[in-house]
Amino acid sequence: MIRLRRLIQPRKAAFWLMLALNGLSTALVWIVQNRNLSPIASVIVAVFAIGNAVLGLRFAWHLLNAPAENEGPTPGPR
């Protein structure tokens, strides 16, 4: 539960990039499913959607592993 608090860090750019990329990938998937595109265009849009989702997950992983602003540094081994 404490780790999930690290995901919401509005003062970090990675948080906003994660939201934007995941929102864009959702919009791209909606376009592929609801518009009548040629097969090549569908593949191109789907590849962009998957790429955006992967980048968004990478930013989320970075936020989860970085200490939050209200937390101190994680203690290292002694």
C-alpha atoms as a PDB file:
ATOM      1  CA  MET A   1       0.000   0.000   0.000  1.00  0.00           C
ATOM      2  CA  ILE A   2       2.808   2.388   0.825  1.00  0.00           C
ATOM      3  CA  ARG A   3       4.406   1.751  -2.561  1.00  0.00           C
ATOM      4  CA  LEU A   4       1.211   2.752  -4.371  1.00  0.00           C
ATOM      5  CA  ARG A   5       1.412   6.171  -2.714  1.00  0.00           C
ATOM      6  CA  ARG A   6       4.664   6.683  -4.583  1.00  0.00           C
ATOM      7  CA  LEU A   7       2.815   6.486  -7.887  1.00  0.00           C
ATOM      8  CA  ILE A   8       0.970   9.776  -7.341  1.00  0.00           C
ATOM      9  CA  GLN A   9       3.649  12.471  -7.381  1.00  0.00           C
ATOM     10  CA  PRO A  10       2.214  15.474  -9.259  1.00  0.00           C
ATOM     11  CA  ARG A  11       5.386  17.529  -8.836  1.00  0.00           C
ATOM     12  CA  LYS A  12       7.408  15.088 -10.945  1.00  0.00           C
ATOM     13  CA  ALA A  13       7.316  15.185 -14.730  1.00  0.00           C
ATOM     14  CA  ALA A  14       7.274  11.375 -14.928  1.00  0.00           C
ATOM     15  CA  PHE A  15       3.825  11.350 -13.295  1.00  0.00           C
ATOM     16  CA  TRP A  16       2.336  13.640 -15.943  1.00  0.00           C
ATOM     17  CA  LEU A  17       4.086  11.807 -18.777  1.00  0.00           C
ATOM     18  CA  MET A  18       2.705   8.518 -17.455  1.00  0.00           C
ATOM     19  CA  LEU A  19      -0.842   9.916 -17.416  1.00  0.00           C
ATOM     20  CA  ALA A  20      -0.540  11.464 -20.869  1.00  0.00           C
ATOM     21  CA  LEU A  21       0.947   8.354 -22.493  1.00  0.00           C
ATOM     22  CA  ASN A  22      -1.574   5.981 -20.949  1.00  0.00           C
ATOM     23  CA  GLY A  23      -4.437   8.290 -21.929  1.00  0.00           C
ATOM     24  CA  LEU A  24      -3.106   8.538 -25.475  1.00  0.00           C
ATOM     25  CA  SER A  25      -2.745   4.778 -25.782  1.00  0.00           C
ATOM     26  CA  THR A  26      -6.357   4.379 -24.610  1.00  0.00           C
ATOM     27  CA  ALA A  27      -7.503   6.854 -27.266  1.00  0.00           C
ATOM     28  CA  LEU A  28      -5.487   5.055 -29.945  1.00  0.00           C
ATOM     29  CA  VAL A  29      -6.999   1.692 -29.011  1.00  0.00           C
ATOM     30  CA  TRP A  30     -10.458   3.262 -29.188  1.00  0.00           C
ATOM     31  CA  ILE A  31      -9.671   4.566 -32.698  1.00  0.00           C
ATOM     32  CA  VAL A  32      -8.527   1.120 -33.864  1.00  0.00           C
ATOM     33  CA  GLN A  33     -11.654  -0.541 -32.489  1.00  0.00           C
ATOM     34  CA  ASN A  34     -14.275   1.998 -33.590  1.00  0.00           C
ATOM     35  CA  ARG A  35     -13.015   3.406 -36.880  1.00  0.00           C
ATOM     36  CA  ASN A  36     -12.904   1.661 -40.214  1.00  0.00           C
ATOM     37  CA  LEU A  37      -9.175   1.889 -40.977  1.00  0.00           C
ATOM     38  CA  SER A  38      -7.175   0.044 -43.570  1.00  0.00           C
ATOM     39  CA  PRO A  39      -5.252  -2.926 -42.179  1.00  0.00           C
ATOM     40  CA  ILE A  40      -1.904  -1.129 -42.466  1.00  0.00           C
ATOM     41  CA  ALA A  41      -3.238   1.956 -40.671  1.00  0.00           C
ATOM     42  CA  SER A  42      -4.729  -0.255 -37.949  1.00  0.00           C
ATOM     43  CA  VAL A  43      -1.372  -1.947 -37.409  1.00  0.00           C
ATOM     44  CA  ILE A  44       0.481   1.384 -37.269  1.00  0.00           C
ATOM     45  CA  VAL A  45      -1.968   2.884 -34.772  1.00  0.00           C
ATOM     46  CA  ALA A  46      -1.904  -0.310 -32.686  1.00  0.00           C
ATOM     47  CA  VAL A  47       1.914  -0.264 -32.586  1.00  0.00           C
ATOM     48  CA  PHE A  48       1.838   3.355 -31.384  1.00  0.00           C
ATOM     49  CA  ALA A  49      -0.747   2.409 -28.734  1.00  0.00           C
ATOM     50  CA  ILE A  50       1.397  -0.462 -27.458  1.00  0.00           C
ATOM     51  CA  GLY A  51       4.498   1.750 -27.467  1.00  0.00           C
ATOM     52  CA  ASN A  52       2.690   4.441 -25.486  1.00  0.00           C
ATOM     53  CA  ALA A  53       1.452   1.876 -22.972  1.00  0.00           C
ATOM     54  CA  VAL A  54       4.954   0.443 -22.516  1.00  0.00           C
ATOM     55  CA  LEU A  55       6.456   3.912 -22.009  1.00  0.00           C
ATOM     56  CA  GLY A  56       3.690   4.806 -19.548  1.00  0.00           C
ATOM     57  CA  LEU A  57       4.350   1.627 -17.581  1.00  0.00           C
ATOM     58  CA  ARG A  58       8.066   2.409 -17.569  1.00  0.00           C
ATOM     59  CA  PHE A  59       7.382   5.847 -16.070  1.00  0.00           C
ATOM     60  CA  ALA A  60       5.061   4.234 -13.503  1.00  0.00           C
ATOM     61  CA  TRP A  61       7.781   1.740 -12.570  1.00  0.00           C
ATOM     62  CA  HIS A  62      10.261   4.599 -12.197  1.00  0.00           C
ATOM     63  CA  LEU A  63       7.858   6.433  -9.877  1.00  0.00           C
ATOM     64  CA  LEU A  64       7.249   3.332  -7.773  1.00  0.00           C
ATOM     65  CA  ASN A  65      10.970   2.748  -7.291  1.00  0.00           C
ATOM     66  CA  ALA A  66      11.894   6.384  -6.601  1.00  0.00           C
ATOM     67  CA  PRO A  67      11.247   7.688  -3.087  1.00  0.00           C
ATOM     68  CA  ALA A  68       8.301  10.056  -2.793  1.00  0.00           C
ATOM     69  CA  GLU A  69       8.951  13.678  -1.928  1.00  0.00           C
ATOM     70  CA  ASN A  70       7.487  13.315   1.564  1.00  0.00           C
ATOM     71  CA  GLU A  71       9.606  10.222   2.283  1.00  0.00           C
ATOM     72  CA  GLY A  72      13.207  10.266   3.320  1.00  0.00           C
ATOM     73  CA  PRO A  73      15.854   8.275   1.507  1.00  0.00           C
ATOM     74  CA  THR A  74      15.522   4.550   1.857  1.00  0.00           C
ATOM     75  CA  PRO A  75      17.958   3.148   4.380  1.00  0.00           C
ATOM     76  CA  GLY A  76      20.770   1.150   2.873  1.00  0.00           C
ATOM     77  CA  PRO A  77      22.493  -1.925   4.256  1.00  0.00           C
ATOM     78  CA  ARG A  78      24.725  -1.397   7.261  1.00  0.00           C
END
